[in-house]
């Protein structure tokens, strides 16, 4: 498996995250609205740096990872999306993870990006099951999962928080 790769949708393309993305990702982490449902452990001053470094490490270990989402028209960094290997209460799962910068919320980017990643996982990697772990209070992400044909399978605890396990299976 070669990952991360460049994927394209109608309005977006992906690229590997880079250390130069730490600054813009720090803006996301500092935004209380964007991280209101994050565990406190993910809101520390060095979170953005640790986050980006972890994704780059995942790439080098051939372990998936989040990728930068770039608006094709403007070139703006709008967020991150990708596949993640997760060890959950349900076992080892492949998750679609995504985070969109607040100034780009409400424009359909999360749905478009997660559909792009889901289709890559199913069609290119041959995955038969993909999940999303969504905080039980995150209504917007629940809508994204529903728009991508996912359904709630279980209620779990993730990072000491209640979460719903959304699943797409073929």
N, C-alpha and C. Protein backbone atom coordinates (compact mmCIF):
# COMPACT_ATOMS: atom_id res chain seq x y z
N UNK A 1 0.85 -1.18 0.00
CA UNK A 1 0.00 0.00 0.00
C UNK A 1 0.89 1.24 0.00
N UNK A 2 0.61 2.12 -0.93
CA UNK A 2 1.31 3.41 -0.95
C UNK A 2 0.37 4.44 -0.37
N UNK A 3 0.74 4.99 0.74
CA UNK A 3 -0.11 5.95 1.44
C UNK A 3 0.81 6.92 2.17
N UNK A 4 0.53 8.16 2.19
CA UNK A 4 -0.63 8.85 1.65
C UNK A 4 -0.49 9.06 0.14
N UNK A 5 -1.59 9.26 -0.50
CA UNK A 5 -1.60 9.49 -1.93
C UNK A 5 -2.41 10.75 -2.22
N UNK A 6 -2.29 11.21 -3.44
CA UNK A 6 -3.09 12.35 -3.85
C UNK A 6 -4.41 11.82 -4.39
N UNK A 7 -5.47 12.24 -3.76
CA UNK A 7 -6.82 11.92 -4.21
C UNK A 7 -7.49 13.23 -4.59
N UNK A 8 -8.43 13.16 -5.51
CA UNK A 8 -9.15 14.36 -5.93
C UNK A 8 -10.64 14.11 -5.98
N UNK A 9 -11.38 15.11 -5.55
CA UNK A 9 -12.82 15.13 -5.70
C UNK A 9 -13.17 16.37 -6.53
N UNK A 10 -14.41 16.71 -6.58
CA UNK A 10 -14.83 17.87 -7.38
C UNK A 10 -14.11 19.15 -6.95
N UNK A 11 -14.04 19.39 -5.62
CA UNK A 11 -13.47 20.65 -5.14
C UNK A 11 -12.18 20.51 -4.36
N UNK A 12 -11.77 19.30 -4.04
CA UNK A 12 -10.65 19.08 -3.12
C UNK A 12 -9.59 18.16 -3.69
N UNK A 13 -8.40 18.31 -3.14
CA UNK A 13 -7.39 17.27 -3.32
C UNK A 13 -6.68 17.08 -2.00
N UNK A 14 -6.07 15.91 -1.85
CA UNK A 14 -5.34 15.60 -0.62
C UNK A 14 -3.85 15.66 -0.92
N UNK A 15 -3.09 15.88 0.14
CA UNK A 15 -1.64 15.78 0.09
C UNK A 15 -1.16 15.37 1.47
N UNK A 16 0.03 14.80 1.57
CA UNK A 16 0.55 14.48 2.90
C UNK A 16 0.68 15.74 3.75
N UNK A 17 0.46 15.60 5.03
CA UNK A 17 0.72 16.71 5.95
C UNK A 17 2.22 16.94 6.03
N UNK A 18 2.58 18.18 6.28
CA UNK A 18 3.98 18.58 6.37
C UNK A 18 4.19 19.35 7.67
N UNK A 19 5.43 19.42 8.11
CA UNK A 19 5.73 20.18 9.33
C UNK A 19 5.30 21.63 9.19
N UNK A 20 5.30 22.17 7.99
CA UNK A 20 4.88 23.56 7.79
C UNK A 20 3.38 23.75 8.06
N UNK A 21 2.62 22.66 8.17
CA UNK A 21 1.19 22.75 8.47
C UNK A 21 0.91 22.95 9.96
N UNK A 22 1.93 22.83 10.79
CA UNK A 22 1.72 22.94 12.24
C UNK A 22 1.10 24.29 12.60
N UNK A 23 1.57 25.36 11.99
CA UNK A 23 1.07 26.69 12.33
C UNK A 23 -0.43 26.83 12.08
N UNK A 24 -0.87 26.41 10.90
CA UNK A 24 -2.31 26.53 10.60
C UNK A 24 -3.11 25.55 11.45
N UNK A 25 -2.52 24.38 11.76
CA UNK A 25 -3.26 23.43 12.59
C UNK A 25 -3.36 23.92 14.03
N UNK A 26 -2.40 24.68 14.46
CA UNK A 26 -2.46 25.27 15.79
C UNK A 26 -3.67 26.20 15.91
N UNK A 27 -3.99 26.91 14.84
CA UNK A 27 -5.17 27.78 14.84
C UNK A 27 -6.43 26.95 15.09
N UNK A 28 -6.51 25.76 14.48
CA UNK A 28 -7.65 24.87 14.69
C UNK A 28 -7.71 24.44 16.15
N UNK A 29 -6.60 23.98 16.69
CA UNK A 29 -6.55 23.48 18.07
C UNK A 29 -6.91 24.58 19.06
N UNK A 30 -6.53 25.81 18.78
CA UNK A 30 -6.81 26.93 19.68
C UNK A 30 -8.26 27.41 19.60
N UNK A 31 -8.99 27.00 18.57
CA UNK A 31 -10.36 27.45 18.37
C UNK A 31 -11.30 26.63 19.27
N UNK A 32 -11.85 27.27 20.28
CA UNK A 32 -12.69 26.56 21.25
C UNK A 32 -13.94 25.95 20.61
N UNK A 33 -14.47 26.59 19.60
CA UNK A 33 -15.64 26.06 18.91
C UNK A 33 -15.28 24.76 18.17
N UNK A 34 -14.11 24.74 17.55
CA UNK A 34 -13.68 23.57 16.77
C UNK A 34 -13.37 22.38 17.66
N UNK A 35 -12.87 22.64 18.85
CA UNK A 35 -12.40 21.54 19.72
C UNK A 35 -13.27 21.34 20.96
N UNK A 36 -14.46 21.90 20.97
CA UNK A 36 -15.30 21.82 22.17
C UNK A 36 -15.62 20.39 22.58
N UNK A 37 -15.62 19.46 21.65
CA UNK A 37 -15.92 18.06 21.96
C UNK A 37 -14.66 17.20 22.05
N UNK A 38 -13.51 17.82 22.00
CA UNK A 38 -12.24 17.09 22.13
C UNK A 38 -11.95 16.84 23.60
N UNK A 39 -11.29 15.73 23.91
CA UNK A 39 -10.81 15.52 25.28
C UNK A 39 -9.79 16.60 25.63
N UNK A 40 -9.72 16.96 26.90
CA UNK A 40 -8.78 18.00 27.34
C UNK A 40 -7.34 17.67 26.97
N UNK A 41 -7.01 16.39 26.93
CA UNK A 41 -5.64 15.98 26.59
C UNK A 41 -5.26 16.38 25.16
N UNK A 42 -6.24 16.69 24.33
CA UNK A 42 -5.96 17.07 22.95
C UNK A 42 -5.98 18.59 22.75
N UNK A 43 -5.95 19.34 23.85
CA UNK A 43 -5.99 20.80 23.74
C UNK A 43 -4.76 21.45 24.36
N UNK A 44 -3.70 20.69 24.54
CA UNK A 44 -2.48 21.22 25.13
C UNK A 44 -1.74 22.11 24.13
N UNK A 45 -0.85 22.98 24.60
CA UNK A 45 -0.15 23.90 23.71
C UNK A 45 0.63 23.23 22.57
N UNK A 46 1.13 22.03 22.79
CA UNK A 46 1.92 21.37 21.75
C UNK A 46 1.10 20.39 20.91
N UNK A 47 -0.23 20.41 21.05
CA UNK A 47 -1.08 19.44 20.36
C UNK A 47 -0.89 19.46 18.85
N UNK A 48 -0.87 20.64 18.24
CA UNK A 48 -0.74 20.71 16.78
C UNK A 48 0.55 20.07 16.31
N UNK A 49 1.64 20.34 16.99
CA UNK A 49 2.93 19.77 16.63
C UNK A 49 2.92 18.25 16.77
N UNK A 50 2.42 17.77 17.89
CA UNK A 50 2.34 16.33 18.14
C UNK A 50 1.44 15.67 17.10
N UNK A 51 0.33 16.31 16.79
CA UNK A 51 -0.66 15.79 15.84
C UNK A 51 -0.02 15.59 14.46
N UNK A 52 0.61 16.65 13.94
CA UNK A 52 1.20 16.57 12.59
C UNK A 52 2.32 15.54 12.57
N UNK A 53 3.16 15.56 13.60
CA UNK A 53 4.25 14.58 13.66
C UNK A 53 3.71 13.15 13.68
N UNK A 54 2.61 12.93 14.38
CA UNK A 54 2.02 11.58 14.46
C UNK A 54 1.55 11.12 13.08
N UNK A 55 0.95 12.02 12.32
CA UNK A 55 0.48 11.63 10.99
C UNK A 55 1.67 11.28 10.08
N UNK A 56 2.72 12.08 10.15
CA UNK A 56 3.92 11.81 9.34
C UNK A 56 4.54 10.48 9.74
N UNK A 57 4.53 10.19 11.03
CA UNK A 57 5.03 8.90 11.52
C UNK A 57 4.15 7.76 11.00
N UNK A 58 2.85 7.97 11.02
CA UNK A 58 1.95 6.94 10.48
C UNK A 58 2.28 6.64 9.02
N UNK A 59 2.51 7.69 8.23
CA UNK A 59 2.85 7.48 6.82
C UNK A 59 4.09 6.59 6.70
N UNK A 60 5.13 6.94 7.46
CA UNK A 60 6.39 6.19 7.33
C UNK A 60 6.27 4.76 7.83
N UNK A 61 5.29 4.50 8.71
CA UNK A 61 5.05 3.13 9.21
C UNK A 61 4.02 2.40 8.36
N UNK A 62 3.59 3.03 7.24
CA UNK A 62 2.59 2.43 6.37
C UNK A 62 1.30 2.14 7.14
N UNK A 63 0.92 3.09 7.98
CA UNK A 63 -0.20 2.91 8.90
C UNK A 63 -1.28 3.97 8.67
N UNK A 64 -1.55 4.29 7.40
CA UNK A 64 -2.51 5.31 7.04
C UNK A 64 -2.15 6.67 7.64
N UNK A 65 -3.15 7.46 8.06
CA UNK A 65 -2.95 8.79 8.63
C UNK A 65 -3.84 9.82 7.97
N UNK A 66 -4.05 10.92 8.67
CA UNK A 66 -4.81 12.03 8.11
C UNK A 66 -3.95 12.75 7.09
N UNK A 67 -4.60 13.30 6.08
CA UNK A 67 -3.91 14.05 5.03
C UNK A 67 -4.50 15.46 4.97
N UNK A 68 -3.73 16.39 4.44
CA UNK A 68 -4.21 17.75 4.26
C UNK A 68 -5.28 17.77 3.18
N UNK A 69 -6.31 18.57 3.41
CA UNK A 69 -7.35 18.82 2.41
C UNK A 69 -7.12 20.21 1.85
N UNK A 70 -7.00 20.27 0.55
CA UNK A 70 -6.72 21.54 -0.13
C UNK A 70 -7.85 21.86 -1.10
N UNK A 71 -8.34 23.10 -1.04
CA UNK A 71 -9.35 23.57 -1.97
C UNK A 71 -8.69 23.75 -3.34
N UNK A 72 -9.18 23.06 -4.36
CA UNK A 72 -8.57 23.10 -5.69
C UNK A 72 -8.58 24.50 -6.29
N UNK A 73 -9.64 25.24 -6.04
CA UNK A 73 -9.77 26.56 -6.66
C UNK A 73 -8.88 27.61 -5.99
N UNK A 74 -8.91 27.67 -4.66
CA UNK A 74 -8.18 28.72 -3.95
C UNK A 74 -6.80 28.29 -3.47
N UNK A 75 -6.57 26.97 -3.34
CA UNK A 75 -5.32 26.48 -2.77
C UNK A 75 -5.30 26.53 -1.25
N UNK A 76 -6.43 26.91 -0.64
CA UNK A 76 -6.50 27.01 0.82
C UNK A 76 -6.45 25.64 1.48
N UNK A 77 -5.75 25.58 2.60
CA UNK A 77 -5.75 24.41 3.48
C UNK A 77 -7.07 24.50 4.24
N UNK A 78 -7.94 23.51 4.05
CA UNK A 78 -9.25 23.61 4.71
C UNK A 78 -9.43 22.62 5.85
N UNK A 79 -8.53 21.65 5.97
CA UNK A 79 -8.66 20.68 7.05
C UNK A 79 -7.85 19.43 6.78
N UNK A 80 -8.29 18.34 7.42
CA UNK A 80 -7.61 17.06 7.29
C UNK A 80 -8.65 15.95 7.15
N UNK A 81 -8.27 14.92 6.43
CA UNK A 81 -9.13 13.75 6.31
C UNK A 81 -8.25 12.57 5.92
N UNK A 82 -8.62 11.39 6.37
CA UNK A 82 -7.87 10.21 5.98
C UNK A 82 -8.35 8.97 6.71
N UNK A 83 -7.67 7.89 6.44
CA UNK A 83 -7.94 6.63 7.11
C UNK A 83 -7.02 6.49 8.30
N UNK A 84 -7.55 5.89 9.35
CA UNK A 84 -6.79 5.66 10.58
C UNK A 84 -7.03 4.23 11.05
N UNK A 85 -5.97 3.55 11.42
CA UNK A 85 -6.15 2.25 12.09
C UNK A 85 -6.46 2.54 13.55
N UNK A 86 -7.57 1.98 14.03
CA UNK A 86 -7.99 2.21 15.40
C UNK A 86 -8.20 0.88 16.11
N UNK A 87 -7.74 0.81 17.33
CA UNK A 87 -8.01 -0.34 18.18
C UNK A 87 -9.13 0.08 19.13
N UNK A 88 -10.36 -0.34 18.80
CA UNK A 88 -11.54 0.07 19.55
C UNK A 88 -12.09 -1.10 20.35
N UNK A 89 -13.10 -0.83 21.12
CA UNK A 89 -13.76 -1.88 21.90
C UNK A 89 -14.31 -2.97 20.99
N UNK A 90 -14.62 -2.62 19.75
CA UNK A 90 -15.16 -3.58 18.79
C UNK A 90 -14.06 -4.36 18.08
N UNK A 91 -12.80 -4.02 18.35
CA UNK A 91 -11.66 -4.68 17.70
C UNK A 91 -10.87 -3.69 16.87
N UNK A 92 -10.02 -4.20 16.00
CA UNK A 92 -9.25 -3.33 15.11
C UNK A 92 -10.15 -2.89 13.95
N UNK A 93 -10.20 -1.60 13.75
CA UNK A 93 -11.07 -1.02 12.73
C UNK A 93 -10.28 -0.02 11.89
N UNK A 94 -10.75 0.21 10.67
CA UNK A 94 -10.23 1.29 9.84
C UNK A 94 -11.27 2.40 9.87
N UNK A 95 -10.82 3.57 10.31
CA UNK A 95 -11.73 4.70 10.51
C UNK A 95 -11.48 5.78 9.48
N UNK A 96 -12.55 6.45 9.07
CA UNK A 96 -12.44 7.70 8.34
C UNK A 96 -12.43 8.79 9.39
N UNK A 97 -11.35 9.55 9.44
CA UNK A 97 -11.27 10.68 10.35
C UNK A 97 -11.21 11.97 9.55
N UNK A 98 -11.80 13.03 10.07
CA UNK A 98 -11.74 14.31 9.37
C UNK A 98 -11.94 15.45 10.36
N UNK A 99 -11.35 16.57 10.02
CA UNK A 99 -11.50 17.81 10.79
C UNK A 99 -11.42 18.95 9.78
N UNK A 100 -12.36 19.85 9.84
CA UNK A 100 -12.43 20.98 8.92
C UNK A 100 -12.25 22.27 9.72
N UNK A 101 -11.43 23.18 9.20
CA UNK A 101 -11.27 24.48 9.86
C UNK A 101 -12.63 25.18 9.91
N UNK A 102 -12.96 25.80 11.05
CA UNK A 102 -14.30 26.39 11.22
C UNK A 102 -14.73 27.36 10.12
N UNK A 103 -13.81 28.11 9.55
CA UNK A 103 -14.23 29.07 8.52
C UNK A 103 -14.73 28.38 7.25
N UNK A 104 -14.55 27.06 7.15
CA UNK A 104 -15.02 26.30 6.00
C UNK A 104 -16.22 25.39 6.33
N UNK A 105 -16.72 25.49 7.56
CA UNK A 105 -17.88 24.68 7.96
C UNK A 105 -19.11 25.07 7.14
N UNK A 106 -20.01 24.12 7.00
CA UNK A 106 -21.29 24.39 6.35
C UNK A 106 -21.22 24.47 4.84
N UNK A 107 -20.10 24.08 4.24
CA UNK A 107 -19.95 24.16 2.79
C UNK A 107 -19.88 22.78 2.13
N UNK A 108 -20.10 21.72 2.92
CA UNK A 108 -20.11 20.37 2.37
C UNK A 108 -18.74 19.73 2.21
N UNK A 109 -17.69 20.39 2.69
CA UNK A 109 -16.34 19.84 2.52
C UNK A 109 -16.14 18.54 3.30
N UNK A 110 -16.70 18.44 4.50
CA UNK A 110 -16.52 17.22 5.30
C UNK A 110 -17.18 16.03 4.60
N UNK A 111 -18.37 16.22 4.08
CA UNK A 111 -19.06 15.14 3.37
C UNK A 111 -18.29 14.76 2.12
N UNK A 112 -17.85 15.74 1.36
CA UNK A 112 -17.09 15.47 0.13
C UNK A 112 -15.79 14.74 0.42
N UNK A 113 -15.06 15.20 1.44
CA UNK A 113 -13.78 14.59 1.78
C UNK A 113 -13.95 13.17 2.31
N UNK A 114 -14.91 12.98 3.20
CA UNK A 114 -15.08 11.64 3.77
C UNK A 114 -15.59 10.66 2.72
N UNK A 115 -16.41 11.10 1.77
CA UNK A 115 -16.84 10.23 0.68
C UNK A 115 -15.65 9.84 -0.19
N UNK A 116 -14.78 10.80 -0.46
CA UNK A 116 -13.57 10.53 -1.24
C UNK A 116 -12.71 9.46 -0.57
N UNK A 117 -12.51 9.60 0.73
CA UNK A 117 -11.68 8.65 1.49
C UNK A 117 -12.38 7.30 1.60
N UNK A 118 -13.68 7.31 1.84
CA UNK A 118 -14.44 6.05 1.92
C UNK A 118 -14.32 5.28 0.61
N UNK A 119 -14.53 5.97 -0.51
CA UNK A 119 -14.47 5.30 -1.81
C UNK A 119 -13.07 4.78 -2.11
N UNK A 120 -12.04 5.50 -1.70
CA UNK A 120 -10.67 5.02 -1.86
C UNK A 120 -10.48 3.73 -1.06
N UNK A 121 -10.92 3.72 0.18
CA UNK A 121 -10.78 2.53 1.03
C UNK A 121 -11.50 1.32 0.46
N UNK A 122 -12.71 1.55 -0.03
CA UNK A 122 -13.50 0.44 -0.57
C UNK A 122 -12.99 -0.02 -1.93
N UNK A 123 -12.80 0.93 -2.84
CA UNK A 123 -12.49 0.59 -4.23
C UNK A 123 -11.01 0.31 -4.49
N UNK A 124 -10.12 1.01 -3.84
CA UNK A 124 -8.70 0.82 -4.10
C UNK A 124 -8.04 -0.14 -3.12
N UNK A 125 -8.48 -0.11 -1.88
CA UNK A 125 -7.86 -0.97 -0.86
C UNK A 125 -8.66 -2.25 -0.61
N UNK A 126 -9.86 -2.31 -1.12
CA UNK A 126 -10.68 -3.51 -0.96
C UNK A 126 -11.23 -3.71 0.44
N UNK A 127 -11.33 -2.62 1.21
CA UNK A 127 -11.90 -2.74 2.55
C UNK A 127 -13.37 -3.10 2.44
N UNK A 128 -13.84 -3.90 3.36
CA UNK A 128 -15.25 -4.30 3.40
C UNK A 128 -16.03 -3.58 4.50
N UNK A 129 -15.28 -2.92 5.40
CA UNK A 129 -15.90 -2.24 6.53
C UNK A 129 -15.05 -1.01 6.86
N UNK A 130 -15.73 0.11 7.00
CA UNK A 130 -15.08 1.36 7.40
C UNK A 130 -15.96 1.99 8.47
N UNK A 131 -15.34 2.55 9.49
CA UNK A 131 -16.09 3.15 10.58
C UNK A 131 -15.74 4.62 10.74
N UNK A 132 -16.56 5.32 11.48
CA UNK A 132 -16.25 6.65 11.99
C UNK A 132 -16.66 6.67 13.45
N UNK A 133 -15.76 7.13 14.30
CA UNK A 133 -16.04 7.27 15.73
C UNK A 133 -16.41 8.73 15.93
N UNK A 134 -17.66 8.96 16.33
CA UNK A 134 -18.18 10.33 16.42
C UNK A 134 -18.73 10.58 17.82
N UNK A 135 -18.23 11.64 18.43
CA UNK A 135 -18.74 12.04 19.74
C UNK A 135 -20.26 12.11 19.66
N UNK A 136 -20.91 11.58 20.67
CA UNK A 136 -22.38 11.48 20.68
C UNK A 136 -23.08 12.83 20.60
N UNK A 137 -22.37 13.91 20.90
CA UNK A 137 -22.96 15.25 20.83
C UNK A 137 -22.66 15.96 19.51
N UNK A 138 -21.87 15.35 18.64
CA UNK A 138 -21.43 16.01 17.42
C UNK A 138 -22.45 15.78 16.29
N UNK A 139 -23.49 16.58 16.29
CA UNK A 139 -24.58 16.44 15.33
C UNK A 139 -24.10 16.65 13.90
N UNK A 140 -23.22 17.62 13.67
CA UNK A 140 -22.73 17.89 12.31
C UNK A 140 -22.00 16.68 11.73
N UNK A 141 -21.13 16.05 12.52
CA UNK A 141 -20.41 14.87 12.02
C UNK A 141 -21.34 13.68 11.85
N UNK A 142 -22.36 13.60 12.66
CA UNK A 142 -23.35 12.53 12.48
C UNK A 142 -24.05 12.69 11.13
N UNK A 143 -24.36 13.93 10.75
CA UNK A 143 -24.98 14.18 9.44
C UNK A 143 -24.04 13.79 8.31
N UNK A 144 -22.75 14.09 8.47
CA UNK A 144 -21.76 13.71 7.46
C UNK A 144 -21.76 12.19 7.29
N UNK A 145 -21.71 11.47 8.39
CA UNK A 145 -21.69 10.00 8.33
C UNK A 145 -22.96 9.47 7.65
N UNK A 146 -24.09 10.03 8.03
CA UNK A 146 -25.37 9.60 7.44
C UNK A 146 -25.39 9.88 5.93
N UNK A 147 -24.90 11.07 5.53
CA UNK A 147 -24.84 11.43 4.11
C UNK A 147 -23.94 10.48 3.32
N UNK A 148 -23.00 9.84 3.99
CA UNK A 148 -22.09 8.90 3.34
C UNK A 148 -22.53 7.45 3.50
N UNK A 149 -23.80 7.25 3.84
CA UNK A 149 -24.35 5.91 3.89
C UNK A 149 -23.98 5.09 5.11
N UNK A 150 -23.48 5.75 6.15
CA UNK A 150 -23.10 5.04 7.37
C UNK A 150 -24.27 4.99 8.34
N UNK A 151 -24.27 3.99 9.19
CA UNK A 151 -25.30 3.83 10.20
C UNK A 151 -24.66 3.56 11.56
N UNK A 152 -25.34 3.96 12.62
CA UNK A 152 -24.83 3.69 13.97
C UNK A 152 -24.92 2.20 14.25
N UNK A 153 -23.81 1.63 14.67
CA UNK A 153 -23.79 0.22 15.04
C UNK A 153 -23.74 0.03 16.55
N UNK A 154 -23.07 0.96 17.24
CA UNK A 154 -22.85 0.74 18.66
C UNK A 154 -22.54 2.07 19.34
N UNK A 155 -22.73 2.10 20.64
CA UNK A 155 -22.30 3.22 21.48
C UNK A 155 -21.06 2.73 22.21
N UNK A 156 -19.97 3.48 22.12
CA UNK A 156 -18.71 3.07 22.74
C UNK A 156 -18.15 4.22 23.57
N UNK A 157 -17.09 3.93 24.28
CA UNK A 157 -16.33 4.97 24.96
C UNK A 157 -15.02 5.13 24.20
N UNK A 158 -14.72 6.36 23.83
CA UNK A 158 -13.50 6.64 23.08
C UNK A 158 -12.80 7.82 23.75
N UNK A 159 -11.58 7.59 24.20
CA UNK A 159 -10.82 8.62 24.93
C UNK A 159 -11.64 9.19 26.09
N UNK A 160 -12.26 8.30 26.83
CA UNK A 160 -13.05 8.63 28.01
C UNK A 160 -14.29 9.48 27.70
N UNK A 161 -14.75 9.43 26.47
CA UNK A 161 -15.94 10.19 26.09
C UNK A 161 -16.94 9.27 25.40
N UNK A 162 -18.24 9.54 25.57
CA UNK A 162 -19.23 8.72 24.86
C UNK A 162 -19.17 9.00 23.35
N UNK A 163 -19.20 7.94 22.57
CA UNK A 163 -19.13 8.08 21.12
C UNK A 163 -20.03 7.06 20.46
N UNK A 164 -20.45 7.37 19.26
CA UNK A 164 -21.21 6.44 18.45
C UNK A 164 -20.29 5.88 17.38
N UNK A 165 -20.40 4.59 17.14
CA UNK A 165 -19.63 3.93 16.10
C UNK A 165 -20.50 3.85 14.86
N UNK A 166 -20.16 4.65 13.88
CA UNK A 166 -20.87 4.67 12.60
C UNK A 166 -20.14 3.73 11.65
N UNK A 167 -20.89 2.95 10.89
CA UNK A 167 -20.29 1.89 10.08
C UNK A 167 -20.84 1.90 8.65
N UNK A 168 -19.93 1.64 7.72
CA UNK A 168 -20.32 1.36 6.33
C UNK A 168 -19.74 0.00 6.01
N UNK A 169 -20.60 -0.95 5.63
CA UNK A 169 -20.15 -2.31 5.29
C UNK A 169 -20.67 -2.69 3.92
N UNK A 170 -19.84 -3.42 3.19
CA UNK A 170 -20.27 -3.94 1.89
C UNK A 170 -20.55 -5.42 2.01
